Amino acid sequence: MKPTLTALAIGLTLAAAPAAAFNVDMSSLFPTLTYPEPAPQPVTQGPAGMDR
C-alpha cells in the first residue's frame, strides 16, 4: 500500500509541475505596509523662552 501511495504522490507532483511553473504573483494580495511620518511636536513658549 505504501509504494502505491508513494507512486501516486510522485505522479501527481510531476503532473502539477507545469501548472506550478506559471508561479502566481502573490504580491498584489498583500500590500506593502507603509507607516506615516510622526506628527511634529508643538513648539511652546514658557517663562524661560522658546522650548522644543
Protein backbone atom coordinates (compact mmCIF):
# COMPACT_ATOMS: atom_id res chain seq x y z
CA MET A 1 0.00 0.00 0.00
CA LYS A 2 2.84 2.41 0.86
CA PRO A 3 4.64 2.03 -2.51
CA THR A 4 1.33 2.68 -4.28
CA LEU A 5 0.76 5.90 -2.34
CA THR A 6 4.34 6.98 -2.97
CA ALA A 7 3.97 6.38 -6.70
CA LEU A 8 0.67 8.27 -6.72
CA ALA A 9 2.20 11.23 -4.86
CA ILE A 10 5.16 11.39 -7.23
CA GLY A 11 2.86 11.11 -10.25
CA LEU A 12 0.63 13.93 -9.03
CA THR A 13 3.66 16.09 -8.28
CA LEU A 14 5.01 15.61 -11.78
CA ALA A 15 1.58 16.23 -13.31
CA ALA A 16 1.21 19.50 -11.40
CA ALA A 17 4.71 20.76 -12.26
CA PRO A 18 3.69 22.59 -15.49
CA ALA A 19 0.93 24.43 -13.63
CA ALA A 20 3.34 25.40 -10.86
CA ALA A 21 5.69 26.88 -13.48
CA PHE A 22 3.26 29.76 -14.04
CA ASN A 23 4.02 30.99 -10.49
CA VAL A 24 1.02 33.01 -9.34
CA ASP A 25 2.01 36.55 -8.29
CA MET A 26 1.03 36.90 -4.63
CA SER A 27 2.40 40.43 -4.17
CA SER A 28 -0.87 42.05 -5.23
CA LEU A 29 -2.77 40.19 -2.50
CA PHE A 30 -0.68 41.58 0.33
CA PRO A 31 0.07 45.31 0.00
CA THR A 32 3.32 46.74 1.32
CA LEU A 33 2.82 48.27 4.73
CA THR A 34 3.76 51.93 5.00
CA TYR A 35 3.76 53.97 8.16
CA PRO A 36 3.01 57.70 8.30
CA GLU A 37 5.61 60.18 9.48
CA PRO A 38 5.20 61.12 13.15
CA ALA A 39 3.42 64.40 13.77
CA PRO A 40 5.74 67.26 14.73
CA GLN A 41 5.68 68.26 18.37
CA PRO A 42 4.24 71.71 19.05
CA VAL A 43 6.71 74.45 19.95
CA THR A 44 5.70 76.15 23.17
CA GLN A 45 6.99 79.25 24.89
CA GLY A 46 7.34 79.17 28.64
CA PRO A 47 8.86 81.56 31.15
CA ALA A 48 12.40 80.54 30.04
CA GLY A 49 11.72 81.34 26.36
CA MET A 50 11.27 79.04 23.39
CA ASP A 51 11.21 75.35 24.24
CA ARG A 52 11.23 72.49 21.79
